[in-house]
Amino acid sequence: MTIPIGLGIGRLIFTALNVLAGVVLLVLTVVTVRARAGRTVGVLLTAIWVVFAVEVAVIRPVLNRRSDLVIAGSAAPGTDGAHYAYIAADTILVVLLVALTIVTVRSVLPDPAATPAPGASVRSPGPRGTDR
């Protein structure tokens, strides 16, 4: 496989992955809005959208210009760190998604402090709300 063919395949794969990520992010946003999730979830989701938008609208075009030159057979100039920026953006997205997952799971699971310890007796109110 030649470098231009590899770049062409890579661009197709990254485009498909970005479309899929955008669709998943849109669905996640709709579900979050409908569920009226807390402020922390909203902040994390907004940060994910910002990083995703920078990755797709700013970093990818720089990488695409370079790959266009290589595919056309020209000598391509350096990307001025665009590859590193893309890796950094993806890393930030992973961290934000893990944080979003943790916050969401914690909001769904019961509070361990509110759950009685195993074997502890639970007092229930007697008739008409009085203790027995």
C-alpha atoms as a PDB file:
ATOM      1  CA  MET A   1       0.000   0.000   0.000  1.00  0.00           C
ATOM      2  CA  THR A   2       1.304   3.415  -0.897  1.00  0.00           C
ATOM      3  CA  ILE A   3       1.185   6.477   1.339  1.00  0.00           C
ATOM      4  CA  PRO A   4      -1.419   8.268  -0.829  1.00  0.00           C
ATOM      5  CA  ILE A   5      -3.708   5.198  -0.738  1.00  0.00           C
ATOM      6  CA  GLY A   6      -3.229   4.896   3.031  1.00  0.00           C
ATOM      7  CA  LEU A   7      -4.040   8.589   3.473  1.00  0.00           C
ATOM      8  CA  GLY A   8      -7.156   8.237   1.334  1.00  0.00           C
ATOM      9  CA  ILE A   9      -8.370   5.268   3.382  1.00  0.00           C
ATOM     10  CA  GLY A  10      -7.510   7.059   6.626  1.00  0.00           C
ATOM     11  CA  ARG A  11      -9.486  10.135   5.593  1.00  0.00           C
ATOM     12  CA  LEU A  12     -12.521   7.987   4.820  1.00  0.00           C
ATOM     13  CA  ILE A  13     -12.272   6.243   8.169  1.00  0.00           C
ATOM     14  CA  PHE A  14     -11.788   9.464  10.153  1.00  0.00           C
ATOM     15  CA  THR A  15     -14.678  11.121   8.311  1.00  0.00           C
ATOM     16  CA  ALA A  16     -16.957   8.176   9.101  1.00  0.00           C
ATOM     17  CA  LEU A  17     -15.844   8.187  12.747  1.00  0.00           C
ATOM     18  CA  ASN A  18     -16.465  11.932  13.039  1.00  0.00           C
ATOM     19  CA  VAL A  19     -19.955  11.548  11.566  1.00  0.00           C
ATOM     20  CA  LEU A  20     -20.699   8.688  13.962  1.00  0.00           C
ATOM     21  CA  ALA A  21     -19.317  10.678  16.931  1.00  0.00           C
ATOM     22  CA  GLY A  22     -21.446  13.660  15.942  1.00  0.00           C
ATOM     23  CA  VAL A  23     -24.594  11.523  15.780  1.00  0.00           C
ATOM     24  CA  VAL A  24     -23.846   9.882  19.149  1.00  0.00           C
ATOM     25  CA  LEU A  25     -23.116  13.289  20.685  1.00  0.00           C
ATOM     26  CA  LEU A  26     -26.367  14.685  19.312  1.00  0.00           C
ATOM     27  CA  VAL A  27     -28.361  11.745  20.732  1.00  0.00           C
ATOM     28  CA  LEU A  28     -26.561  12.104  24.075  1.00  0.00           C
ATOM     29  CA  THR A  29     -27.426  15.801  24.119  1.00  0.00           C
ATOM     30  CA  VAL A  30     -31.105  15.168  23.393  1.00  0.00           C
ATOM     31  CA  VAL A  31     -31.300  12.493  26.095  1.00  0.00           C
ATOM     32  CA  THR A  32     -29.524  14.748  28.584  1.00  0.00           C
ATOM     33  CA  VAL A  33     -31.820  17.688  27.877  1.00  0.00           C
ATOM     34  CA  ARG A  34     -34.946  15.519  28.130  1.00  0.00           C
ATOM     35  CA  ALA A  35     -33.740  14.026  31.414  1.00  0.00           C
ATOM     36  CA  ARG A  36     -33.040  17.515  32.795  1.00  0.00           C
ATOM     37  CA  ALA A  37     -29.635  16.409  33.973  1.00  0.00           C
ATOM     38  CA  GLY A  38     -27.767  18.515  36.498  1.00  0.00           C
ATOM     39  CA  ARG A  39     -25.460  21.445  35.911  1.00  0.00           C
ATOM     40  CA  THR A  40     -22.290  19.329  36.028  1.00  0.00           C
ATOM     41  CA  VAL A  41     -23.575  17.105  33.227  1.00  0.00           C
ATOM     42  CA  GLY A  42     -24.445  20.192  31.184  1.00  0.00           C
ATOM     43  CA  VAL A  43     -20.982  21.676  31.658  1.00  0.00           C
ATOM     44  CA  LEU A  44     -19.285  18.410  30.690  1.00  0.00           C
ATOM     45  CA  LEU A  45     -21.511  17.994  27.641  1.00  0.00           C
ATOM     46  CA  THR A  46     -20.811  21.564  26.537  1.00  0.00           C
ATOM     47  CA  ALA A  47     -17.070  20.988  26.907  1.00  0.00           C
ATOM     48  CA  ILE A  48     -17.353  17.821  24.815  1.00  0.00           C
ATOM     49  CA  TRP A  49     -19.182  19.763  22.074  1.00  0.00           C
ATOM     50  CA  VAL A  50     -16.521  22.512  22.094  1.00  0.00           C
ATOM     51  CA  VAL A  51     -13.602  20.080  21.825  1.00  0.00           C
ATOM     52  CA  PHE A  52     -15.398  18.074  19.131  1.00  0.00           C
ATOM     53  CA  ALA A  53     -16.142  21.247  17.131  1.00  0.00           C
ATOM     54  CA  VAL A  54     -12.506  22.414  17.343  1.00  0.00           C
ATOM     55  CA  GLU A  55     -11.320  18.991  16.253  1.00  0.00           C
ATOM     56  CA  VAL A  56     -13.655  18.854  13.241  1.00  0.00           C
ATOM     57  CA  ALA A  57     -13.696  22.526  12.184  1.00  0.00           C
ATOM     58  CA  VAL A  58     -10.139  23.616  12.971  1.00  0.00           C
ATOM     59  CA  ILE A  59      -7.735  20.680  13.197  1.00  0.00           C
ATOM     60  CA  ARG A  60      -9.140  18.318  10.555  1.00  0.00           C
ATOM     61  CA  PRO A  61      -9.018  20.912   7.726  1.00  0.00           C
ATOM     62  CA  VAL A  62      -5.290  21.450   8.367  1.00  0.00           C
ATOM     63  CA  LEU A  63      -4.677  17.706   8.198  1.00  0.00           C
ATOM     64  CA  ASN A  64      -6.890  17.400   5.098  1.00  0.00           C
ATOM     65  CA  ARG A  65      -4.926  20.098   3.224  1.00  0.00           C
ATOM     66  CA  ARG A  66      -1.707  18.214   3.882  1.00  0.00           C
ATOM     67  CA  SER A  67      -3.166  14.859   2.853  1.00  0.00           C
ATOM     68  CA  ASP A  68      -4.601  16.461  -0.331  1.00  0.00           C
ATOM     69  CA  LEU A  69      -1.079  17.493  -1.314  1.00  0.00           C
ATOM     70  CA  VAL A  70       0.376  14.042  -0.618  1.00  0.00           C
ATOM     71  CA  ILE A  71      -2.450  12.274  -2.468  1.00  0.00           C
ATOM     72  CA  ALA A  72      -1.884  14.615  -5.439  1.00  0.00           C
ATOM     73  CA  GLY A  73       1.788  13.634  -5.442  1.00  0.00           C
ATOM     74  CA  SER A  74       3.249  16.884  -4.111  1.00  0.00           C
ATOM     75  CA  ALA A  75       5.702  17.242  -1.304  1.00  0.00           C
ATOM     76  CA  ALA A  76       3.667  18.198   1.727  1.00  0.00           C
ATOM     77  CA  PRO A  77       4.768  20.798   4.233  1.00  0.00           C
ATOM     78  CA  GLY A  78       4.669  19.987   7.927  1.00  0.00           C
ATOM     79  CA  THR A  79       1.380  20.209   9.763  1.00  0.00           C
ATOM     80  CA  ASP A  80       2.606  22.616  12.444  1.00  0.00           C
ATOM     81  CA  GLY A  81       1.621  20.250  15.214  1.00  0.00           C
ATOM     82  CA  ALA A  82      -1.849  19.489  13.841  1.00  0.00           C
ATOM     83  CA  HIS A  83      -1.343  15.770  14.481  1.00  0.00           C
ATOM     84  CA  TYR A  84      -0.426  16.486  18.101  1.00  0.00           C
ATOM     85  CA  ALA A  85      -3.403  18.828  18.450  1.00  0.00           C
ATOM     86  CA  TYR A  86      -5.705  16.092  17.122  1.00  0.00           C
ATOM     87  CA  ILE A  87      -4.261  13.566  19.577  1.00  0.00           C
ATOM     88  CA  ALA A  88      -4.616  16.086  22.423  1.00  0.00           C
ATOM     89  CA  ALA A  89      -8.233  16.833  21.454  1.00  0.00           C
ATOM     90  CA  ASP A  90      -9.064  13.116  21.347  1.00  0.00           C
ATOM     91  CA  THR A  91      -7.405  12.616  24.734  1.00  0.00           C
ATOM     92  CA  ILE A  92      -9.406  15.491  26.214  1.00  0.00           C
ATOM     93  CA  LEU A  93     -12.589  13.991  24.735  1.00  0.00           C
ATOM     94  CA  VAL A  94     -11.867  10.638  26.387  1.00  0.00           C
ATOM     95  CA  VAL A  95     -11.250  12.311  29.764  1.00  0.00           C
ATOM     96  CA  LEU A  96     -14.463  14.339  29.452  1.00  0.00           C
ATOM     97  CA  LEU A  97     -16.471  11.265  28.451  1.00  0.00           C
ATOM     98  CA  VAL A  98     -15.119   9.308  31.427  1.00  0.00           C
ATOM     99  CA  ALA A  99     -16.019  12.214  33.726  1.00  0.00           C
ATOM    100  CA  LEU A 100     -19.505  12.410  32.186  1.00  0.00           C
ATOM    101  CA  THR A 101     -19.946   8.678  32.708  1.00  0.00           C
ATOM    102  CA  ILE A 102     -18.871   8.901  36.352  1.00  0.00           C
ATOM    103  CA  VAL A 103     -21.179  11.855  37.088  1.00  0.00           C
ATOM    104  CA  THR A 104     -24.096  10.167  35.336  1.00  0.00           C
ATOM    105  CA  VAL A 105     -23.614   6.819  37.077  1.00  0.00           C
ATOM    106  CA  ARG A 106     -23.327   8.525  40.467  1.00  0.00           C
ATOM    107  CA  SER A 107     -26.600  10.344  39.852  1.00  0.00           C
ATOM    108  CA  VAL A 108     -28.376   7.087  38.995  1.00  0.00           C
ATOM    109  CA  LEU A 109     -27.007   4.849  41.745  1.00  0.00           C
ATOM    110  CA  PRO A 110     -28.360   5.161  45.279  1.00  0.00           C
ATOM    111  CA  ASP A 111     -26.345   7.161  47.804  1.00  0.00           C
ATOM    112  CA  PRO A 112     -24.314   4.656  49.882  1.00  0.00           C
ATOM    113  CA  ALA A 113     -24.555   6.941  52.945  1.00  0.00           C
ATOM    114  CA  ALA A 114     -28.353   6.712  52.813  1.00  0.00           C
ATOM    115  CA  THR A 115     -28.335   2.902  52.604  1.00  0.00           C
ATOM    116  CA  PRO A 116     -28.298   1.108  55.989  1.00  0.00           C
ATOM    117  CA  ALA A 117     -25.383  -1.192  56.657  1.00  0.00           C
ATOM    118  CA  PRO A 118     -26.036  -4.929  56.266  1.00  0.00           C
ATOM    119  CA  GLY A 119     -27.514  -6.365  59.458  1.00  0.00           C
ATOM    120  CA  ALA A 120     -28.551  -2.959  60.823  1.00  0.00           C
ATOM    121  CA  SER A 121     -32.101  -2.771  62.083  1.00  0.00           C
ATOM    122  CA  VAL A 122     -34.390  -0.363  60.359  1.00  0.00           C
ATOM    123  CA  ARG A 123     -37.003   1.286  62.543  1.00  0.00           C
ATOM    124  CA  SER A 124     -40.343   1.760  60.943  1.00  0.00           C
ATOM    125  CA  PRO A 125     -42.998   4.085  62.255  1.00  0.00           C
ATOM    126  CA  GLY A 126     -45.866   2.554  64.162  1.00  0.00           C
ATOM    127  CA  PRO A 127     -49.513   3.231  63.516  1.00  0.00           C
ATOM    128  CA  ARG A 128     -50.335   6.841  62.611  1.00  0.00           C
ATOM    129  CA  GLY A 129     -46.667   7.817  62.389  1.00  0.00           C
ATOM    130  CA  THR A 130     -45.759   7.089  66.052  1.00  0.00           C
ATOM    131  CA  ASP A 131     -42.792   4.957  67.018  1.00  0.00           C
ATOM    132  CA  ARG A 132     -43.473   1.496  68.429  1.00  0.00           C
END
